[in-house]
Amino acid sequence: MRAEYDFSKAKKNPYAKRLKQRVTIRLDGPTVKYFKQLAEETGIPYQTLINLYLRDCAESQKALNLEWRPEKAGSR
């Protein structure tokens, strides 16, 4: 290996904006199990499947219909 390299004529990576970003996300067991089973069936890694699903939601701007219902006292 050289002691020094000349990067003066280097070009920026045109795909840099498309690179994936590492994040930490906490998912419940049944969700991970579902995607791992789907991964076995399709031959696609489960993390890729999760990314594809989330990207589809983002591109189609799907909105979650979420209603918060406080737990009643003593209902546990």
Protein backbone atom coordinates (compact mmCIF):
# COMPACT_ATOMS: atom_id res chain seq x y z
CA MET A 1 0.00 0.00 0.00
CA ARG A 2 1.15 3.53 -0.70
CA ALA A 3 2.03 5.91 2.09
CA GLU A 4 -0.07 8.62 0.42
CA TYR A 5 -2.88 8.71 -2.13
CA ASP A 6 -3.94 11.58 -4.37
CA PHE A 7 -7.69 12.22 -4.12
CA SER A 8 -7.59 15.62 -5.84
CA LYS A 9 -9.38 14.19 -8.92
CA ALA A 10 -11.86 12.10 -6.95
CA LYS A 11 -15.59 12.44 -7.62
CA LYS A 12 -18.37 12.33 -5.04
CA ASN A 13 -20.39 9.14 -4.91
CA PRO A 14 -23.55 9.87 -6.96
CA TYR A 15 -25.42 7.20 -4.98
CA ALA A 16 -24.52 8.54 -1.53
CA LYS A 17 -28.04 9.87 -0.94
CA ARG A 18 -29.44 6.38 -1.58
CA LEU A 19 -27.23 4.67 0.98
CA LYS A 20 -28.98 3.05 3.89
CA GLN A 21 -28.79 4.50 7.37
CA ARG A 22 -28.18 2.25 10.37
CA VAL A 23 -30.82 2.63 13.08
CA THR A 24 -31.78 0.75 16.21
CA ILE A 25 -35.41 -0.25 16.41
CA ARG A 26 -37.18 -2.35 19.01
CA LEU A 27 -39.76 -4.76 17.60
CA ASP A 28 -41.93 -7.23 19.46
CA GLY A 29 -41.32 -10.95 19.12
CA PRO A 30 -44.34 -11.83 16.95
CA THR A 31 -43.42 -9.13 14.43
CA VAL A 32 -39.84 -10.38 14.10
CA LYS A 33 -41.09 -13.97 13.87
CA TYR A 34 -43.52 -13.01 11.08
CA PHE A 35 -40.80 -11.36 8.99
CA LYS A 36 -38.32 -14.19 9.64
CA GLN A 37 -40.90 -16.74 8.44
CA LEU A 38 -41.59 -14.60 5.40
CA ALA A 39 -37.83 -14.41 4.80
CA GLU A 40 -37.58 -18.20 4.77
CA GLU A 41 -40.44 -18.45 2.28
CA THR A 42 -39.12 -15.78 -0.08
CA GLY A 43 -35.35 -16.14 0.34
CA ILE A 44 -35.10 -12.41 1.10
CA PRO A 45 -33.39 -11.38 4.38
CA TYR A 46 -35.94 -10.36 7.01
CA GLN A 47 -34.36 -6.93 7.54
CA THR A 48 -34.71 -6.27 3.81
CA LEU A 49 -38.38 -7.30 3.97
CA ILE A 50 -39.00 -4.92 6.87
CA ASN A 51 -37.29 -2.12 4.92
CA LEU A 52 -39.35 -2.88 1.79
CA TYR A 53 -42.58 -2.82 3.79
CA LEU A 54 -41.72 0.44 5.55
CA ARG A 55 -40.60 2.05 2.28
CA ASP A 56 -43.92 1.05 0.66
CA CYS A 57 -45.78 2.65 3.57
CA ALA A 58 -43.71 5.84 3.27
CA GLU A 59 -44.02 6.11 -0.51
CA SER A 60 -47.77 5.59 -0.46
CA GLN A 61 -48.03 7.84 2.63
CA LYS A 62 -50.08 5.31 4.56
CA ALA A 63 -51.38 6.76 7.80
CA LEU A 64 -51.91 4.71 10.92
CA ASN A 65 -55.36 5.02 12.43
CA LEU A 66 -54.40 5.00 16.09
CA GLU A 67 -56.82 5.59 18.95
CA TRP A 68 -55.58 5.68 22.50
CA ARG A 69 -57.93 4.05 24.96
CA PRO A 70 -56.71 4.40 28.54
CA GLU A 71 -56.82 1.16 30.49
CA LYS A 72 -59.60 0.98 33.06
CA ALA A 73 -58.49 0.60 36.66
CA GLY A 74 -58.48 -3.04 37.69
CA SER A 75 -58.89 -4.39 34.14
CA ARG A 76 -55.55 -6.19 34.20
